[in-house]
Amino acid sequence: MMNYIFAAMIIIAAVWGIVSGNSADVSSAMLESGISTARLMLTVAGGMTLWSGIMSIAEKSGLTDIIAGIIRPLLRIIMPDLEKGSDAEKYVCMNISANILGLGNAATPPGIKAMKAMASQNRCPDGRPSGEMVTFAVLNTASVQIIPATVMTLRSAAGSADPGGIMPCVWISSVCALTAGLLVCNVLRRSNE
C-alpha cells in the first residue's frame, strides 16, 4: 500500500512540475537526489563495514562474551522462562550485545536465530508468540545503545561537526523506551496468566 502512495506522490509532483513550467527544476532535483543518495549509500556502507568489523573483533576478543555475562542475570529476571544455556539464550545475548554496541545490522542474524530457537520451544496454543518472544522483540526494538554507530555515520555524512554529540540523548531515550516496553510486557504477561 505504501508503495502505491509514494509512487502516486512522485508522479503527482513530476506532473505538477511539468504543468507549472518547472520541468527543468524537477529534472535537476531528480538528478541531484540520485547523486546524493548514491553518496549517502556509500557512506553508510563504509560505516557499516567499519562497525561490523569492530563487532567481529569484539566477538573474537571475548568482549561480547563479557557483555553477555553481564546481561545473563538480567535476562533471567526479564525472561524467566528462557532456558539457561540454550541456543536461544546464547543468541539473545549476542543480539543484545550487538545492539548495546550500536551495531543493528550485526544484531540482526543472532536476533533471527534467537527468535527461531524460541519459536521451536514455544508451548503457546494456536502458534501465539510466547512471553519470551514478545519480550525479546521489545528488547531488540527498544535496545539501549552505548554507541549509536549508524546514526553517527548518518550525521557524519550530513556534515555534522560533532556526530557523537547525540550520545547522551540516545542513552536517555533508549533507556526510557526500553523501560516503558518492559513494563508493558510485564503488565500484559501478568494479565494473561
C-alpha atoms as a PDB file:
ATOM      1  CA  MET A   1       0.000   0.000   0.000  1.00  0.00           C
ATOM      2  CA  MET A   2       2.752   2.441   0.950  1.00  0.00           C
ATOM      3  CA  ASN A   3       4.484   1.750  -2.378  1.00  0.00           C
ATOM      4  CA  TYR A   4       1.380   2.973  -4.207  1.00  0.00           C
ATOM      5  CA  ILE A   5       1.135   6.069  -2.025  1.00  0.00           C
ATOM      6  CA  PHE A   6       4.794   7.016  -2.580  1.00  0.00           C
ATOM      7  CA  ALA A   7       4.560   6.253  -6.303  1.00  0.00           C
ATOM      8  CA  ALA A   8       1.463   8.467  -6.558  1.00  0.00           C
ATOM      9  CA  MET A   9       3.213  11.299  -4.697  1.00  0.00           C
ATOM     10  CA  ILE A  10       6.207  11.124  -7.053  1.00  0.00           C
ATOM     11  CA  ILE A  11       4.028  11.023 -10.181  1.00  0.00           C
ATOM     12  CA  ILE A  12       1.829  13.895  -8.994  1.00  0.00           C
ATOM     13  CA  ALA A  13       4.898  16.007  -8.139  1.00  0.00           C
ATOM     14  CA  ALA A  14       6.519  15.309 -11.508  1.00  0.00           C
ATOM     15  CA  VAL A  15       3.322  16.070 -13.432  1.00  0.00           C
ATOM     16  CA  TRP A  16       2.753  19.247 -11.401  1.00  0.00           C
ATOM     17  CA  GLY A  17       6.344  20.327 -12.078  1.00  0.00           C
ATOM     18  CA  ILE A  18       5.826  19.897 -15.827  1.00  0.00           C
ATOM     19  CA  VAL A  19       2.367  21.552 -15.833  1.00  0.00           C
ATOM     20  CA  SER A  20       3.593  24.537 -13.807  1.00  0.00           C
ATOM     21  CA  GLY A  21       6.539  25.056 -16.170  1.00  0.00           C
ATOM     22  CA  ASN A  22       9.242  23.890 -13.740  1.00  0.00           C
ATOM     23  CA  SER A  23      10.306  20.765 -15.625  1.00  0.00           C
ATOM     24  CA  ALA A  24      13.963  21.882 -15.647  1.00  0.00           C
ATOM     25  CA  ASP A  25      13.911  22.236 -11.853  1.00  0.00           C
ATOM     26  CA  VAL A  26      12.203  18.846 -11.464  1.00  0.00           C
ATOM     27  CA  SER A  27      14.756  17.033 -13.647  1.00  0.00           C
ATOM     28  CA  SER A  28      17.637  18.824 -11.926  1.00  0.00           C
ATOM     29  CA  ALA A  29      16.290  17.880  -8.483  1.00  0.00           C
ATOM     30  CA  MET A  30      15.852  14.255  -9.587  1.00  0.00           C
ATOM     31  CA  LEU A  31      19.450  14.025 -10.782  1.00  0.00           C
ATOM     32  CA  GLU A  32      20.859  15.727  -7.680  1.00  0.00           C
ATOM     33  CA  SER A  33      18.798  13.449  -5.441  1.00  0.00           C
ATOM     34  CA  GLY A  34      20.137  10.373  -7.213  1.00  0.00           C
ATOM     35  CA  ILE A  35      23.722  11.537  -6.798  1.00  0.00           C
ATOM     36  CA  SER A  36      23.282  12.453  -3.135  1.00  0.00           C
ATOM     37  CA  THR A  37      21.517   9.133  -2.478  1.00  0.00           C
ATOM     38  CA  ALA A  38      24.401   7.163  -4.003  1.00  0.00           C
ATOM     39  CA  ARG A  39      26.894   9.186  -1.949  1.00  0.00           C
ATOM     40  CA  LEU A  40      24.904   8.563   1.246  1.00  0.00           C
ATOM     41  CA  MET A  41      24.653   4.831   0.499  1.00  0.00           C
ATOM     42  CA  LEU A  42      28.430   4.591   0.093  1.00  0.00           C
ATOM     43  CA  THR A  43      28.987   6.496   3.333  1.00  0.00           C
ATOM     44  CA  VAL A  44      26.570   4.288   5.273  1.00  0.00           C
ATOM     45  CA  ALA A  45      28.056   1.137   3.721  1.00  0.00           C
ATOM     46  CA  GLY A  46      31.505   2.279   4.798  1.00  0.00           C
ATOM     47  CA  GLY A  47      30.295   2.944   8.328  1.00  0.00           C
ATOM     48  CA  MET A  48      28.526  -0.422   8.472  1.00  0.00           C
ATOM     49  CA  THR A  49      31.657  -2.163   7.275  1.00  0.00           C
ATOM     50  CA  LEU A  50      33.765  -0.427   9.913  1.00  0.00           C
ATOM     51  CA  TRP A  51      31.392  -1.197  12.790  1.00  0.00           C
ATOM     52  CA  SER A  52      30.728  -4.765  11.616  1.00  0.00           C
ATOM     53  CA  GLY A  53      34.490  -5.293  11.646  1.00  0.00           C
ATOM     54  CA  ILE A  54      34.671  -3.855  15.148  1.00  0.00           C
ATOM     55  CA  MET A  55      31.852  -6.227  16.187  1.00  0.00           C
ATOM     56  CA  SER A  56      33.791  -9.149  14.731  1.00  0.00           C
ATOM     57  CA  ILE A  57      36.857  -8.092  16.721  1.00  0.00           C
ATOM     58  CA  ALA A  58      34.686  -7.696  19.836  1.00  0.00           C
ATOM     59  CA  GLU A  59      33.355 -11.232  19.352  1.00  0.00           C
ATOM     60  CA  LYS A  60      36.803 -12.766  18.803  1.00  0.00           C
ATOM     61  CA  SER A  61      38.357 -10.851  21.702  1.00  0.00           C
ATOM     62  CA  GLY A  62      35.635 -12.005  24.079  1.00  0.00           C
ATOM     63  CA  LEU A  63      34.086  -8.553  24.651  1.00  0.00           C
ATOM     64  CA  THR A  64      30.657  -9.790  23.587  1.00  0.00           C
ATOM     65  CA  ASP A  65      31.029 -12.749  25.986  1.00  0.00           C
ATOM     66  CA  ILE A  66      31.782 -10.307  28.815  1.00  0.00           C
ATOM     67  CA  ILE A  67      28.712  -8.245  27.884  1.00  0.00           C
ATOM     68  CA  ALA A  68      26.657 -11.449  27.636  1.00  0.00           C
ATOM     69  CA  GLY A  69      27.876 -12.463  31.111  1.00  0.00           C
ATOM     70  CA  ILE A  70      26.641  -9.133  32.461  1.00  0.00           C
ATOM     71  CA  ILE A  71      23.350  -9.497  30.585  1.00  0.00           C
ATOM     72  CA  ARG A  72      22.549 -13.117  31.608  1.00  0.00           C
ATOM     73  CA  PRO A  73      21.452 -12.370  35.208  1.00  0.00           C
ATOM     74  CA  LEU A  74      19.201  -9.566  33.921  1.00  0.00           C
ATOM     75  CA  LEU A  75      17.766 -11.874  31.264  1.00  0.00           C
ATOM     76  CA  ARG A  76      16.784 -14.397  33.924  1.00  0.00           C
ATOM     77  CA  ILE A  77      14.729 -11.671  35.607  1.00  0.00           C
ATOM     78  CA  ILE A  78      13.247 -10.239  32.393  1.00  0.00           C
ATOM     79  CA  MET A  79      12.751 -13.584  30.611  1.00  0.00           C
ATOM     80  CA  PRO A  80      12.296 -16.180  33.375  1.00  0.00           C
ATOM     81  CA  ASP A  81      11.096 -18.982  31.073  1.00  0.00           C
ATOM     82  CA  LEU A  82      14.114 -18.770  28.758  1.00  0.00           C
ATOM     83  CA  GLU A  83      16.085 -21.992  29.168  1.00  0.00           C
ATOM     84  CA  LYS A  84      19.502 -21.478  30.761  1.00  0.00           C
ATOM     85  CA  GLY A  85      22.375 -22.354  28.459  1.00  0.00           C
ATOM     86  CA  SER A  86      20.089 -22.875  25.467  1.00  0.00           C
ATOM     87  CA  ASP A  87      20.816 -21.678  21.949  1.00  0.00           C
ATOM     88  CA  ALA A  88      18.009 -19.167  22.385  1.00  0.00           C
ATOM     89  CA  GLU A  89      19.748 -17.632  25.415  1.00  0.00           C
ATOM     90  CA  LYS A  90      23.068 -17.503  23.575  1.00  0.00           C
ATOM     91  CA  TYR A  91      21.575 -15.781  20.537  1.00  0.00           C
ATOM     92  CA  VAL A  92      19.548 -13.357  22.678  1.00  0.00           C
ATOM     93  CA  CYS A  93      22.757 -12.366  24.498  1.00  0.00           C
ATOM     94  CA  MET A  94      24.630 -11.923  21.193  1.00  0.00           C
ATOM     95  CA  ASN A  95      21.800  -9.800  19.793  1.00  0.00           C
ATOM     96  CA  ILE A  96      21.622  -7.577  22.860  1.00  0.00           C
ATOM     97  CA  SER A  97      25.427  -7.232  22.919  1.00  0.00           C
ATOM     98  CA  ALA A  98      25.443  -6.073  19.291  1.00  0.00           C
ATOM     99  CA  ASN A  99      22.581  -3.659  19.957  1.00  0.00           C
ATOM    100  CA  ILE A 100      24.353  -2.224  23.017  1.00  0.00           C
ATOM    101  CA  LEU A 101      27.361  -1.548  20.807  1.00  0.00           C
ATOM    102  CA  GLY A 102      25.043   0.165  18.290  1.00  0.00           C
ATOM    103  CA  LEU A 103      25.512  -2.441  15.582  1.00  0.00           C
ATOM    104  CA  GLY A 104      21.934  -3.007  14.493  1.00  0.00           C
ATOM    105  CA  ASN A 105      22.934  -4.742  11.265  1.00  0.00           C
ATOM    106  CA  ALA A 106      25.276  -7.109  13.101  1.00  0.00           C
ATOM    107  CA  ALA A 107      22.500  -7.779  15.637  1.00  0.00           C
ATOM    108  CA  THR A 108      20.012  -8.992  13.030  1.00  0.00           C
ATOM    109  CA  PRO A 109      21.389 -12.517  12.334  1.00  0.00           C
ATOM    110  CA  PRO A 110      21.573 -13.573  16.008  1.00  0.00           C
ATOM    111  CA  GLY A 111      18.184 -11.929  16.561  1.00  0.00           C
ATOM    112  CA  ILE A 112      16.597 -14.067  13.841  1.00  0.00           C
ATOM    113  CA  LYS A 113      18.311 -17.188  15.225  1.00  0.00           C
ATOM    114  CA  ALA A 114      17.122 -16.340  18.756  1.00  0.00           C
ATOM    115  CA  MET A 115      13.524 -15.949  17.602  1.00  0.00           C
ATOM    116  CA  LYS A 116      13.678 -19.239  15.669  1.00  0.00           C
ATOM    117  CA  ALA A 117      15.139 -21.030  18.698  1.00  0.00           C
ATOM    118  CA  MET A 118      12.423 -19.599  20.949  1.00  0.00           C
ATOM    119  CA  ALA A 119       9.732 -20.497  18.387  1.00  0.00           C
ATOM    120  CA  SER A 120      10.891 -24.129  18.427  1.00  0.00           C
ATOM    121  CA  GLN A 121      10.465 -24.147  22.241  1.00  0.00           C
ATOM    122  CA  ASN A 122       7.130 -22.293  22.140  1.00  0.00           C
ATOM    123  CA  ARG A 123       4.414 -24.067  24.122  1.00  0.00           C
ATOM    124  CA  CYS A 124       1.673 -21.500  23.495  1.00  0.00           C
ATOM    125  CA  PRO A 125      -1.525 -22.733  21.848  1.00  0.00           C
ATOM    126  CA  ASP A 126      -2.550 -21.579  18.387  1.00  0.00           C
ATOM    127  CA  GLY A 127       1.014 -20.627  17.475  1.00  0.00           C
ATOM    128  CA  ARG A 128       0.883 -17.407  19.509  1.00  0.00           C
ATOM    129  CA  PRO A 129       4.276 -15.983  20.466  1.00  0.00           C
ATOM    130  CA  SER A 130       5.465 -16.803  23.959  1.00  0.00           C
ATOM    131  CA  GLY A 131       6.050 -14.121  26.570  1.00  0.00           C
ATOM    132  CA  GLU A 132       9.795 -14.510  25.988  1.00  0.00           C
ATOM    133  CA  MET A 133       9.374 -13.934  22.259  1.00  0.00           C
ATOM    134  CA  VAL A 134       7.364 -10.762  22.851  1.00  0.00           C
ATOM    135  CA  THR A 135       9.842  -9.535  25.467  1.00  0.00           C
ATOM    136  CA  PHE A 136      12.736 -10.236  23.103  1.00  0.00           C
ATOM    137  CA  ALA A 137      11.028  -8.257  20.344  1.00  0.00           C
ATOM    138  CA  VAL A 138      10.751  -5.329  22.772  1.00  0.00           C
ATOM    139  CA  LEU A 139      14.399  -5.742  23.864  1.00  0.00           C
ATOM    140  CA  ASN A 140      15.500  -5.786  20.251  1.00  0.00           C
ATOM    141  CA  THR A 141      13.346  -2.857  19.154  1.00  0.00           C
ATOM    142  CA  ALA A 142      13.961  -0.535  22.102  1.00  0.00           C
ATOM    143  CA  SER A 143      17.549  -1.530  22.739  1.00  0.00           C
ATOM    144  CA  VAL A 144      19.909   0.564  24.831  1.00  0.00           C
ATOM    145  CA  GLN A 145      22.811   1.700  22.659  1.00  0.00           C
ATOM    146  CA  ILE A 146      26.094   2.844  24.111  1.00  0.00           C
ATOM    147  CA  ILE A 147      27.489   3.680  20.673  1.00  0.00           C
ATOM    148  CA  PRO A 148      24.772   4.620  18.107  1.00  0.00           C
ATOM    149  CA  ALA A 149      27.044   3.789  15.169  1.00  0.00           C
ATOM    150  CA  THR A 150      24.501   4.033  12.339  1.00  0.00           C
ATOM    151  CA  VAL A 151      23.117   7.394  13.466  1.00  0.00           C
ATOM    152  CA  MET A 152      26.636   8.754  13.973  1.00  0.00           C
ATOM    153  CA  THR A 153      27.524   7.662  10.428  1.00  0.00           C
ATOM    154  CA  LEU A 154      24.430   9.390   9.025  1.00  0.00           C
ATOM    155  CA  ARG A 155      25.213  12.555  10.984  1.00  0.00           C
ATOM    156  CA  SER A 156      28.786  12.495   9.711  1.00  0.00           C
ATOM    157  CA  ALA A 157      27.554  12.068   6.125  1.00  0.00           C
ATOM    158  CA  ALA A 158      25.230  15.038   6.604  1.00  0.00           C
ATOM    159  CA  GLY A 159      28.199  17.206   7.610  1.00  0.00           C
ATOM    160  CA  SER A 160      27.756  17.256  11.383  1.00  0.00           C
ATOM    161  CA  ALA A 161      30.676  18.833  13.247  1.00  0.00           C
ATOM    162  CA  ASP A 162      30.020  16.506  16.213  1.00  0.00           C
ATOM    163  CA  PRO A 163      28.426  13.209  15.060  1.00  0.00           C
ATOM    164  CA  GLY A 164      28.707  11.745  18.558  1.00  0.00           C
ATOM    165  CA  GLY A 165      27.044  14.712  20.248  1.00  0.00           C
ATOM    166  CA  ILE A 166      23.726  12.873  20.333  1.00  0.00           C
ATOM    167  CA  MET A 167      25.001  10.066  22.556  1.00  0.00           C
ATOM    168  CA  PRO A 168      23.548  11.310  25.884  1.00  0.00           C
ATOM    169  CA  CYS A 169      20.153  11.851  24.223  1.00  0.00           C
ATOM    170  CA  VAL A 170      20.294   8.359  22.713  1.00  0.00           C
ATOM    171  CA  TRP A 171      21.148   6.844  26.108  1.00  0.00           C
ATOM    172  CA  ILE A 172      18.285   8.615  27.873  1.00  0.00           C
ATOM    173  CA  SER A 173      15.686   7.949  25.169  1.00  0.00           C
ATOM    174  CA  SER A 174      16.647   4.296  24.702  1.00  0.00           C
ATOM    175  CA  VAL A 175      16.575   3.606  28.466  1.00  0.00           C
ATOM    176  CA  CYS A 176      13.138   5.270  28.709  1.00  0.00           C
ATOM    177  CA  ALA A 177      11.801   3.339  25.684  1.00  0.00           C
ATOM    178  CA  LEU A 178      13.159   0.035  26.979  1.00  0.00           C
ATOM    179  CA  THR A 179      11.758   0.622  30.472  1.00  0.00           C
ATOM    180  CA  ALA A 180       8.320   1.505  29.109  1.00  0.00           C
ATOM    181  CA  GLY A 181       8.329  -1.511  26.769  1.00  0.00           C
ATOM    182  CA  LEU A 182       9.344  -3.933  29.507  1.00  0.00           C
ATOM    183  CA  LEU A 183       6.726  -2.525  31.882  1.00  0.00           C
ATOM    184  CA  VAL A 184       4.001  -3.033  29.274  1.00  0.00           C
ATOM    185  CA  CYS A 185       5.264  -6.584  28.570  1.00  0.00           C
ATOM    186  CA  ASN A 186       5.202  -7.361  32.283  1.00  0.00           C
ATOM    187  CA  VAL A 187       1.679  -5.978  32.743  1.00  0.00           C
ATOM    188  CA  LEU A 188       0.345  -7.854  29.716  1.00  0.00           C
ATOM    189  CA  ARG A 189       2.091 -11.076  30.739  1.00  0.00           C
ATOM    190  CA  ARG A 190       0.511 -10.905  34.209  1.00  0.00           C
ATOM    191  CA  SER A 191      -2.914 -10.129  32.774  1.00  0.00           C
ATOM    192  CA  ASN A 192      -2.713 -13.224  30.546  1.00  0.00           C
ATOM    193  CA  GLU A 193      -1.881 -15.538  33.449  1.00  0.00           C
END
